[in-house]
Each structure stands twice: as C-alpha cells, then as structure tokens.
Amino acid sequence: MTVDWDEQAARSAKSYMEFSSFSRQGLIDQLKFEGFTAAQAKHGADAAGL
C-alpha cells in the first residue's frame, strides 16, 4: 500500500481551512506539526489556495 503524502497534506490543509482561518505560514507550521515534511506542508497550503 502506498500513500500519497502530498494528497494527504492537501486534504488536511483544506480541512483546517474549513474550520479555522490560517495564514499561509500558520497553515504550513500546523501541517509540519502534524508530521508532514516542509515540502508536503507547502503543497498542502498551495492546494488550499494559500
């Protein structure tokens, strides 16, 4: 089983944005806190439109 971590980061980022307001850096920091790499977190922020 392979996991697309970029896709998971994008889903997490979009989910966070549904419930709270984050700056781009704040969202990246939150995703990194959750265990995503910096690159994955940036991809998530991009996917969330930030």
C-alpha atoms as a PDB file:
ATOM      1  CA  MET A   1       0.000   0.000   0.000  1.00  0.00           C
ATOM      2  CA  THR A   2       1.415   3.362  -0.970  1.00  0.00           C
ATOM      3  CA  VAL A   3       0.361   6.668   0.495  1.00  0.00           C
ATOM      4  CA  ASP A   4       0.384   9.899  -1.468  1.00  0.00           C
ATOM      5  CA  TRP A   5       1.581  12.215   1.297  1.00  0.00           C
ATOM      6  CA  ASP A   6       1.150  15.307  -0.870  1.00  0.00           C
ATOM      7  CA  GLU A   7      -2.513  14.407  -1.312  1.00  0.00           C
ATOM      8  CA  GLN A   8      -2.877  13.768   2.410  1.00  0.00           C
ATOM      9  CA  ALA A   9      -1.320  17.154   3.185  1.00  0.00           C
ATOM     10  CA  ALA A  10      -3.695  18.819   0.717  1.00  0.00           C
ATOM     11  CA  ARG A  11      -6.699  17.151   2.335  1.00  0.00           C
ATOM     12  CA  SER A  12      -5.557  18.123   5.806  1.00  0.00           C
ATOM     13  CA  ALA A  13      -4.926  21.709   4.739  1.00  0.00           C
ATOM     14  CA  LYS A  14      -8.357  22.024   3.167  1.00  0.00           C
ATOM     15  CA  SER A  15      -9.937  20.528   6.270  1.00  0.00           C
ATOM     16  CA  TYR A  16      -8.159  23.010   8.542  1.00  0.00           C
ATOM     17  CA  MET A  17      -9.306  25.903   6.369  1.00  0.00           C
ATOM     18  CA  GLU A  18     -12.948  24.785   6.665  1.00  0.00           C
ATOM     19  CA  PHE A  19     -12.876  25.223  10.434  1.00  0.00           C
ATOM     20  CA  SER A  20     -10.328  27.937  11.063  1.00  0.00           C
ATOM     21  CA  SER A  21      -8.529  30.842   9.478  1.00  0.00           C
ATOM     22  CA  PHE A  22      -4.814  30.377   8.933  1.00  0.00           C
ATOM     23  CA  SER A  23      -2.154  32.465   7.300  1.00  0.00           C
ATOM     24  CA  ARG A  24      -0.075  30.571   4.754  1.00  0.00           C
ATOM     25  CA  GLN A  25       2.818  30.202   7.186  1.00  0.00           C
ATOM     26  CA  GLY A  26       0.493  29.293  10.037  1.00  0.00           C
ATOM     27  CA  LEU A  27      -1.043  26.515   7.971  1.00  0.00           C
ATOM     28  CA  ILE A  28       2.382  25.250   6.900  1.00  0.00           C
ATOM     29  CA  ASP A  29       3.517  25.254  10.535  1.00  0.00           C
ATOM     30  CA  GLN A  30       0.384  23.349  11.583  1.00  0.00           C
ATOM     31  CA  LEU A  31       0.882  20.724   8.892  1.00  0.00           C
ATOM     32  CA  LYS A  32       4.536  20.327   9.866  1.00  0.00           C
ATOM     33  CA  PHE A  33       3.444  19.920  13.496  1.00  0.00           C
ATOM     34  CA  GLU A  34       1.139  17.128  12.314  1.00  0.00           C
ATOM     35  CA  GLY A  35       4.169  15.334  10.845  1.00  0.00           C
ATOM     36  CA  PHE A  36       4.234  16.411   7.206  1.00  0.00           C
ATOM     37  CA  THR A  37       7.546  17.463   5.697  1.00  0.00           C
ATOM     38  CA  ALA A  38       8.117  21.113   4.780  1.00  0.00           C
ATOM     39  CA  ALA A  39       7.599  20.304   1.084  1.00  0.00           C
ATOM     40  CA  GLN A  40       4.392  18.401   1.787  1.00  0.00           C
ATOM     41  CA  ALA A  41       3.117  21.218   4.001  1.00  0.00           C
ATOM     42  CA  LYS A  42       3.808  23.786   1.285  1.00  0.00           C
ATOM     43  CA  HIS A  43       1.980  21.603  -1.223  1.00  0.00           C
ATOM     44  CA  GLY A  44      -0.966  21.438   1.175  1.00  0.00           C
ATOM     45  CA  ALA A  45      -1.033  25.222   1.547  1.00  0.00           C
ATOM     46  CA  ASP A  46      -0.933  25.605  -2.232  1.00  0.00           C
ATOM     47  CA  ALA A  47      -3.799  23.143  -2.602  1.00  0.00           C
ATOM     48  CA  ALA A  48      -5.818  25.091  -0.019  1.00  0.00           C
ATOM     49  CA  GLY A  49      -5.343  28.256  -2.051  1.00  0.00           C
ATOM     50  CA  LEU A  50      -2.847  29.984   0.204  1.00  0.00           C
END
